[in-house]
C-alpha atoms as a PDB file:
ATOM      1  CA  MET A   1      85.793 165.039  95.721  1.00  0.00           C
ATOM      2  CA  ASN A   2      87.447 168.001  97.359  1.00  0.00           C
ATOM      3  CA  ILE A   3      86.782 171.555  96.173  1.00  0.00           C
ATOM      4  CA  ASN A   4      89.270 174.631  97.028  1.00  0.00           C
ATOM      5  CA  LYS A   5      87.176 177.499  98.569  1.00  0.00           C
ATOM      6  CA  LEU A   6      88.375 180.105  96.676  1.00  0.00           C
ATOM      7  CA  HIS A   7      85.919 182.938  96.749  1.00  0.00           C
ATOM      8  CA  ARG A   8      82.307 183.736  97.155  1.00  0.00           C
ATOM      9  CA  PHE A   9      80.117 184.194  94.006  1.00  0.00           C
ATOM     10  CA  ASP A  10      77.622 186.878  95.197  1.00  0.00           C
ATOM     11  CA  LEU A  11      79.579 189.710  93.271  1.00  0.00           C
ATOM     12  CA  THR A  12      78.986 192.738  91.444  1.00  0.00           C
ATOM     13  CA  ARG A  13      79.706 192.662  87.726  1.00  0.00           C
ATOM     14  CA  ALA A  14      82.494 195.070  88.349  1.00  0.00           C
ATOM     15  CA  ASN A  15      83.946 193.247  91.378  1.00  0.00           C
ATOM     16  CA  ALA A  16      83.602 189.879  89.449  1.00  0.00           C
ATOM     17  CA  ILE A  17      85.831 191.202  86.487  1.00  0.00           C
ATOM     18  CA  LYS A  18      88.246 192.517  88.885  1.00  0.00           C
ATOM     19  CA  LEU A  19      88.521 188.979  90.492  1.00  0.00           C
ATOM     20  CA  GLN A  20      88.945 187.348  87.024  1.00  0.00           C
ATOM     21  CA  ALA A  21      92.169 189.500  86.555  1.00  0.00           C
ATOM     22  CA  GLU A  22      93.263 188.725  90.031  1.00  0.00           C
ATOM     23  CA  LEU A  23      92.935 185.119  89.520  1.00  0.00           C
ATOM     24  CA  ALA A  24      94.048 184.684  85.936  1.00  0.00           C
ATOM     25  CA  PRO A  25      97.806 184.564  86.590  1.00  0.00           C
ATOM     26  CA  ALA A  26      97.294 181.567  88.837  1.00  0.00           C
ATOM     27  CA  ILE A  27      96.521 179.396  85.655  1.00  0.00           C
ATOM     28  CA  LYS A  28      99.166 176.880  84.686  1.00  0.00           C
ATOM     29  CA  THR A  29      99.358 175.707  81.053  1.00  0.00           C
ATOM     30  CA  VAL A  30     101.858 173.054  80.869  1.00  0.00           C
ATOM     31  CA  ASP A  31     102.655 170.761  77.851  1.00  0.00           C
ATOM     32  CA  GLN A  32     101.037 167.547  79.418  1.00  0.00           C
ATOM     33  CA  PRO A  33      99.587 166.682  82.670  1.00  0.00           C
ATOM     34  CA  GLU A  34     101.221 164.285  85.123  1.00  0.00           C
ATOM     35  CA  GLY A  35      99.979 160.825  85.416  1.00  0.00           C
ATOM     36  CA  ASN A  36      98.067 158.735  82.966  1.00  0.00           C
ATOM     37  CA  ILE A  37      94.462 159.623  81.720  1.00  0.00           C
ATOM     38  CA  PHE A  38      91.691 157.023  82.366  1.00  0.00           C
ATOM     39  CA  LEU A  39      88.836 159.000  83.880  1.00  0.00           C
ATOM     40  CA  ILE A  40      87.496 162.040  81.944  1.00  0.00           C
ATOM     41  CA  ALA A  41      84.578 164.098  83.045  1.00  0.00           C
ATOM     42  CA  GLY A  42      82.434 166.246  80.938  1.00  0.00           C
ATOM     43  CA  VAL A  43      80.823 169.019  82.461  1.00  0.00           C
ATOM     44  CA  ASP A  44      77.760 171.291  81.392  1.00  0.00           C
ATOM     45  CA  VAL A  45      74.952 173.453  82.728  1.00  0.00           C
ATOM     46  CA  SER A  46      71.446 173.817  81.276  1.00  0.00           C
ATOM     47  CA  ILE A  47      69.329 176.790  82.577  1.00  0.00           C
ATOM     48  CA  GLY A  48      65.695 177.335  81.729  1.00  0.00           C
ATOM     49  CA  ARG A  49      64.434 179.611  79.391  1.00  0.00           C
ATOM     50  CA  GLN A  50      63.250 181.929  82.381  1.00  0.00           C
ATOM     51  CA  GLY A  51      66.920 181.825  83.562  1.00  0.00           C
ATOM     52  CA  SER A  52      66.037 181.371  87.190  1.00  0.00           C
ATOM     53  CA  THR A  53      66.641 177.476  87.426  1.00  0.00           C
ATOM     54  CA  GLY A  54      69.690 175.673  86.430  1.00  0.00           C
ATOM     55  CA  ARG A  55      71.145 172.009  86.209  1.00  0.00           C
ATOM     56  CA  ALA A  56      74.602 171.070  86.274  1.00  0.00           C
ATOM     57  CA  ALA A  57      75.520 167.712  85.184  1.00  0.00           C
ATOM     58  CA  VAL A  58      79.065 165.657  85.476  1.00  0.00           C
ATOM     59  CA  VAL A  59      79.330 162.654  83.453  1.00  0.00           C
ATOM     60  CA  VAL A  60      82.533 160.595  84.073  1.00  0.00           C
ATOM     61  CA  ILE A  61      83.660 158.254  81.379  1.00  0.00           C
ATOM     62  CA  ASN A  62      86.851 155.829  81.183  1.00  0.00           C
ATOM     63  CA  TYR A  63      89.121 155.710  78.386  1.00  0.00           C
ATOM     64  CA  PRO A  64      89.521 154.248  75.613  1.00  0.00           C
ATOM     65  CA  ALA A  65      86.147 152.273  76.418  1.00  0.00           C
ATOM     66  CA  LEU A  66      84.095 155.538  76.569  1.00  0.00           C
ATOM     67  CA  GLU A  67      81.726 154.031  79.054  1.00  0.00           C
ATOM     68  CA  ILE A  68      79.919 155.839  81.492  1.00  0.00           C
ATOM     69  CA  ILE A  69      80.972 155.059  85.090  1.00  0.00           C
ATOM     70  CA  ALA A  70      79.514 158.005  86.856  1.00  0.00           C
ATOM     71  CA  GLU A  71      77.082 160.753  86.938  1.00  0.00           C
ATOM     72  CA  SER A  72      76.381 163.542  89.369  1.00  0.00           C
ATOM     73  CA  ILE A  73      73.888 166.519  89.034  1.00  0.00           C
ATOM     74  CA  HIS A  74      72.807 169.556  91.132  1.00  0.00           C
ATOM     75  CA  GLU A  75      69.819 171.640  90.536  1.00  0.00           C
ATOM     76  CA  GLY A  76      69.509 175.130  91.658  1.00  0.00           C
ATOM     77  CA  PRO A  77      68.674 178.697  91.113  1.00  0.00           C
ATOM     78  CA  ALA A  78      71.044 180.746  88.677  1.00  0.00           C
ATOM     79  CA  ALA A  79      73.225 182.849  90.826  1.00  0.00           C
ATOM     80  CA  MET A  80      73.563 185.708  88.004  1.00  0.00           C
ATOM     81  CA  PRO A  81      72.139 186.702  84.779  1.00  0.00           C
ATOM     82  CA  TYR A  82      74.001 185.662  81.562  1.00  0.00           C
ATOM     83  CA  ILE A  83      76.771 188.324  80.941  1.00  0.00           C
ATOM     84  CA  PRO A  84      79.360 187.491  78.274  1.00  0.00           C
ATOM     85  CA  GLY A  85      82.625 186.811  79.918  1.00  0.00           C
ATOM     86  CA  LEU A  86      81.248 186.245  83.296  1.00  0.00           C
ATOM     87  CA  LEU A  87      79.752 182.647  82.391  1.00  0.00           C
ATOM     88  CA  SER A  88      81.555 181.149  85.323  1.00  0.00           C
ATOM     89  CA  PHE A  89      79.882 183.294  88.248  1.00  0.00           C
ATOM     90  CA  ARG A  90      76.424 182.043  86.547  1.00  0.00           C
ATOM     91  CA  GLU A  91      77.425 178.125  86.361  1.00  0.00           C
ATOM     92  CA  LEU A  92      80.168 177.434  88.861  1.00  0.00           C
ATOM     93  CA  PRO A  93      77.685 177.802  92.012  1.00  0.00           C
ATOM     94  CA  LEU A  94      76.026 174.723  90.223  1.00  0.00           C
ATOM     95  CA  ILE A  95      78.739 172.758  89.033  1.00  0.00           C
ATOM     96  CA  LEU A  96      80.687 172.831  92.219  1.00  0.00           C
ATOM     97  CA  PRO A  97      78.082 171.121  94.006  1.00  0.00           C
ATOM     98  CA  ALA A  98      77.706 168.371  91.524  1.00  0.00           C
ATOM     99  CA  LEU A  99      81.341 167.577  91.562  1.00  0.00           C
ATOM    100  CA  GLU A 100      81.457 167.384  95.343  1.00  0.00           C
ATOM    101  CA  LYS A 101      79.156 164.332  95.231  1.00  0.00           C
ATOM    102  CA  LEU A 102      81.658 162.575  93.166  1.00  0.00           C
ATOM    103  CA  ASP A 103      83.322 159.909  95.523  1.00  0.00           C
ATOM    104  CA  PHE A 104      86.597 160.050  93.357  1.00  0.00           C
ATOM    105  CA  GLU A 105      88.694 162.436  91.328  1.00  0.00           C
ATOM    106  CA  PRO A 106      88.578 162.165  87.421  1.00  0.00           C
ATOM    107  CA  ASP A 107      91.814 162.524  85.807  1.00  0.00           C
ATOM    108  CA  LEU A 108      90.768 165.060  83.304  1.00  0.00           C
ATOM    109  CA  PHE A 109      87.670 167.573  82.970  1.00  0.00           C
ATOM    110  CA  ILE A 110      86.191 168.994  79.697  1.00  0.00           C
ATOM    111  CA  VAL A 111      83.996 171.860  80.282  1.00  0.00           C
ATOM    112  CA  ASP A 112      81.222 173.157  77.904  1.00  0.00           C
ATOM    113  CA  GLY A 113      82.681 176.761  77.862  1.00  0.00           C
ATOM    114  CA  HIS A 114      86.035 178.456  77.243  1.00  0.00           C
ATOM    115  CA  GLY A 115      89.330 178.100  78.969  1.00  0.00           C
ATOM    116  CA  VAL A 116      91.896 180.821  78.548  1.00  0.00           C
ATOM    117  CA  ALA A 117      90.330 181.805  75.235  1.00  0.00           C
ATOM    118  CA  HIS A 118      88.743 184.490  77.151  1.00  0.00           C
ATOM    119  CA  PRO A 119      89.294 188.333  77.344  1.00  0.00           C
ATOM    120  CA  ARG A 120      90.642 188.062  80.948  1.00  0.00           C
ATOM    121  CA  ARG A 121      92.140 184.512  80.421  1.00  0.00           C
ATOM    122  CA  LEU A 122      89.762 183.047  82.743  1.00  0.00           C
ATOM    123  CA  GLY A 123      86.802 181.287  81.136  1.00  0.00           C
ATOM    124  CA  ILE A 124      84.725 178.893  83.083  1.00  0.00           C
ATOM    125  CA  ALA A 125      87.232 175.740  82.471  1.00  0.00           C
ATOM    126  CA  ALA A 126      90.064 177.891  83.598  1.00  0.00           C
ATOM    127  CA  HIS A 127      88.256 178.937  86.534  1.00  0.00           C
ATOM    128  CA  LEU A 128      86.939 175.595  87.390  1.00  0.00           C
ATOM    129  CA  GLY A 129      90.636 174.464  87.190  1.00  0.00           C
ATOM    130  CA  LEU A 130      91.677 176.702  90.044  1.00  0.00           C
ATOM    131  CA  PHE A 131      88.888 175.242  92.137  1.00  0.00           C
ATOM    132  CA  ILE A 132      89.753 171.659  91.722  1.00  0.00           C
ATOM    133  CA  ASP A 133      93.406 172.066  90.965  1.00  0.00           C
ATOM    134  CA  LYS A 134      92.890 169.374  88.185  1.00  0.00           C
ATOM    135  CA  PRO A 135      93.437 169.771  84.186  1.00  0.00           C
ATOM    136  CA  THR A 136      90.924 171.097  82.511  1.00  0.00           C
ATOM    137  CA  ILE A 137      89.991 171.847  78.934  1.00  0.00           C
ATOM    138  CA  GLY A 138      87.459 174.509  77.569  1.00  0.00           C
ATOM    139  CA  CYS A 139      85.377 173.236  74.615  1.00  0.00           C
ATOM    140  CA  ALA A 140      82.992 175.747  73.542  1.00  0.00           C
ATOM    141  CA  LYS A 141      80.745 175.903  70.661  1.00  0.00           C
ATOM    142  CA  SER A 142      80.912 179.429  69.656  1.00  0.00           C
ATOM    143  CA  ARG A 143      83.732 182.176  69.949  1.00  0.00           C
ATOM    144  CA  LEU A 144      84.181 184.589  72.603  1.00  0.00           C
ATOM    145  CA  CYS A 145      87.024 186.826  71.599  1.00  0.00           C
ATOM    146  CA  GLY A 146      89.952 186.189  69.227  1.00  0.00           C
ATOM    147  CA  LYS A 147      90.443 185.839  65.509  1.00  0.00           C
ATOM    148  CA  HIS A 148      90.973 182.797  63.232  1.00  0.00           C
ATOM    149  CA  ASP A 149      91.701 181.539  59.752  1.00  0.00           C
ATOM    150  CA  GLU A 150      88.877 179.562  57.832  1.00  0.00           C
ATOM    151  CA  VAL A 151      88.917 176.061  59.042  1.00  0.00           C
ATOM    152  CA  GLY A 152      88.877 173.046  56.649  1.00  0.00           C
ATOM    153  CA  TRP A 153      85.825 170.993  56.041  1.00  0.00           C
ATOM    154  CA  SER A 154      87.395 167.565  56.954  1.00  0.00           C
ATOM    155  CA  ARG A 155      87.640 166.000  60.179  1.00  0.00           C
ATOM    156  CA  GLY A 156      90.799 167.094  62.164  1.00  0.00           C
ATOM    157  CA  SER A 157      91.110 170.623  60.182  1.00  0.00           C
ATOM    158  CA  SER A 158      91.968 173.267  62.614  1.00  0.00           C
ATOM    159  CA  ALA A 159      93.260 177.058  62.877  1.00  0.00           C
ATOM    160  CA  ASP A 160      94.761 178.653  65.696  1.00  0.00           C
ATOM    161  CA  LEU A 161      92.817 181.284  67.447  1.00  0.00           C
ATOM    162  CA  TYR A 162      94.842 184.512  68.042  1.00  0.00           C
ATOM    163  CA  GLU A 163      94.183 187.498  70.193  1.00  0.00           C
ATOM    164  CA  GLY A 164      96.998 189.813  68.809  1.00  0.00           C
ATOM    165  CA  ASP A 165      99.954 187.999  68.618  1.00  0.00           C
ATOM    166  CA  GLU A 166      98.966 185.540  71.305  1.00  0.00           C
ATOM    167  CA  VAL A 167      97.450 182.066  70.480  1.00  0.00           C
ATOM    168  CA  ILE A 168      94.577 181.523  72.892  1.00  0.00           C
ATOM    169  CA  GLY A 169      92.962 178.534  71.325  1.00  0.00           C
ATOM    170  CA  ARG A 170      92.217 176.488  68.456  1.00  0.00           C
ATOM    171  CA  VAL A 171      89.384 176.135  66.230  1.00  0.00           C
ATOM    172  CA  ILE A 172      88.731 172.419  65.170  1.00  0.00           C
ATOM    173  CA  ARG A 173      86.229 170.614  62.971  1.00  0.00           C
ATOM    174  CA  THR A 174      85.837 167.486  64.851  1.00  0.00           C
ATOM    175  CA  ARG A 175      83.293 165.990  62.281  1.00  0.00           C
ATOM    176  CA  GLU A 176      83.018 166.754  58.648  1.00  0.00           C
ATOM    177  CA  GLY A 177      80.324 169.304  57.515  1.00  0.00           C
ATOM    178  CA  SER A 178      79.738 169.970  61.269  1.00  0.00           C
ATOM    179  CA  LYS A 179      80.374 173.628  62.559  1.00  0.00           C
ATOM    180  CA  PRO A 180      83.893 173.722  64.405  1.00  0.00           C
ATOM    181  CA  VAL A 181      84.393 173.781  68.427  1.00  0.00           C
ATOM    182  CA  TYR A 182      86.434 176.342  70.092  1.00  0.00           C
ATOM    183  CA  ILE A 183      89.336 174.480  72.015  1.00  0.00           C
ATOM    184  CA  SER A 184      91.704 176.308  74.773  1.00  0.00           C
ATOM    185  CA  ALA A 185      93.445 175.133  77.659  1.00  0.00           C
ATOM    186  CA  GLY A 186      92.056 175.503  81.181  1.00  0.00           C
ATOM    187  CA  HIS A 187      94.509 174.626  83.926  1.00  0.00           C
ATOM    188  CA  ARG A 188      97.407 172.380  84.347  1.00  0.00           C
ATOM    189  CA  ILE A 189      97.327 171.401  80.461  1.00  0.00           C
ATOM    190  CA  GLY A 190      98.623 172.816  77.132  1.00  0.00           C
ATOM    191  CA  LEU A 191      96.880 173.595  73.963  1.00  0.00           C
ATOM    192  CA  GLU A 192      98.552 170.492  71.912  1.00  0.00           C
ATOM    193  CA  PHE A 193      97.579 168.236  74.524  1.00  0.00           C
ATOM    194  CA  ALA A 194      94.144 169.568  74.912  1.00  0.00           C
ATOM    195  CA  ALA A 195      93.036 169.679  71.294  1.00  0.00           C
ATOM    196  CA  SER A 196      94.480 166.092  70.720  1.00  0.00           C
ATOM    197  CA  TRP A 197      92.246 164.744  73.478  1.00  0.00           C
ATOM    198  CA  VAL A 198      89.350 166.616  72.176  1.00  0.00           C
ATOM    199  CA  LEU A 199      89.890 164.734  68.771  1.00  0.00           C
ATOM    200  CA  LYS A 200      90.308 161.236  70.811  1.00  0.00           C
ATOM    201  CA  LEU A 201      87.143 161.575  72.380  1.00  0.00           C
ATOM    202  CA  THR A 202      84.970 162.632  69.293  1.00  0.00           C
ATOM    203  CA  SER A 203      83.689 160.189  66.860  1.00  0.00           C
ATOM    204  CA  ARG A 204      80.265 160.464  65.389  1.00  0.00           C
ATOM    205  CA  PHE A 205      79.118 163.772  67.099  1.00  0.00           C
ATOM    206  CA  ARG A 206      80.315 167.189  66.769  1.00  0.00           C
ATOM    207  CA  LEU A 207      81.143 167.304  70.903  1.00  0.00           C
ATOM    208  CA  PRO A 208      83.752 165.068  72.414  1.00  0.00           C
ATOM    209  CA  GLU A 209      81.662 162.377  74.203  1.00  0.00           C
ATOM    210  CA  PRO A 210      82.225 163.386  77.902  1.00  0.00           C
ATOM    211  CA  VAL A 211      80.857 167.016  77.032  1.00  0.00           C
ATOM    212  CA  ARG A 212      77.958 165.439  74.746  1.00  0.00           C
ATOM    213  CA  ARG A 213      76.769 162.891  77.580  1.00  0.00           C
ATOM    214  CA  ALA A 214      76.871 165.823  80.107  1.00  0.00           C
ATOM    215  CA  HIS A 215      74.918 168.368  77.729  1.00  0.00           C
ATOM    216  CA  LEU A 216      72.187 165.296  77.493  1.00  0.00           C
ATOM    217  CA  THR A 217      72.087 164.770  81.021  1.00  0.00           C
ATOM    218  CA  ALA A 218      71.959 168.408  82.281  1.00  0.00           C
ATOM    219  CA  GLY A 219      68.913 168.947  79.798  1.00  0.00           C
ATOM    220  CA  ARG A 220      67.197 165.896  81.046  1.00  0.00           C
ATOM    221  CA  SER A 221      64.834 167.076  83.852  1.00  0.00           C
ATOM    222  CA  ALA A 222      60.925 167.096  84.256  1.00  0.00           C
ATOM    223  CA  ASN A 223      61.196 170.303  85.955  1.00  0.00           C
ATOM    224  CA  LEU A 224      63.653 172.296  83.538  1.00  0.00           C
ATOM    225  CA  LYS A 225      62.537 173.229  80.167  1.00  0.00           C
ATOM    226  CA  VAL A 226      65.538 174.223  77.893  1.00  0.00           C
END
C-alpha cells in the first residue's frame, strides 16, 4: 500500500514534540468512515528487553468471519528510546515498512496505542492515520493522559475519558473481569464508531482480534526476546 512521506524520524525530543503540535490540526475525526468495512488491520510492535531491535506486525482479518487473510512483518533497530508521548517516533519507522509490503489497503486500522487521547492529540494511531490517510483507531492497554470515572465490571461497560471538559477517548470493559482498554479516534473516524468496532471485534479476549493477532505475531521471533 502507498504511504505518504510526511517527515523524517531522526528528530530530537524537542523537535518531535514541536512536530506533533504542528501535525495535530490535520487530524480529522468524523462520525463514520466512508464506505463499508470488510478488511481490518491490527498493528503492533514488540521491542526486545535491550530496547535496540523491534518487530512490527500487521495482521489483516476479514469481517465478520474474523479470519486472517494477510500478515506482514518488519524487523529493525528502534529509532528512539521509549519516551512517554513520543511512541510513534519509536515505532512508526518499523510499522511503515511492514505496511508497504501489503498488496492492498485495509478499510480500517486498529493500533496498539493511543489516537487523540494524547497530550498533543497525536498518539501513534492518529500519527499513522496521517501517513496512510485511512481510518485508524487507538486501542491502548493503559492511560497516557486524562481522567475517567470507574468502569463497571460487565462486558461493554464504559466511561468517557476527559482532559478538562474535552472528551478525548473512552474506557471500555471488553471482557468481564479483565482490565479495560483505552479507545480513542485516530484519524478519519469518530469516537462512537471506534468504540463500537472495538466491541464488535472483541469476544473471548481483552483485546480486539486484529490487535491481539498482531501482538502475537510481533512477539513471535527467534531473534527477539520480549
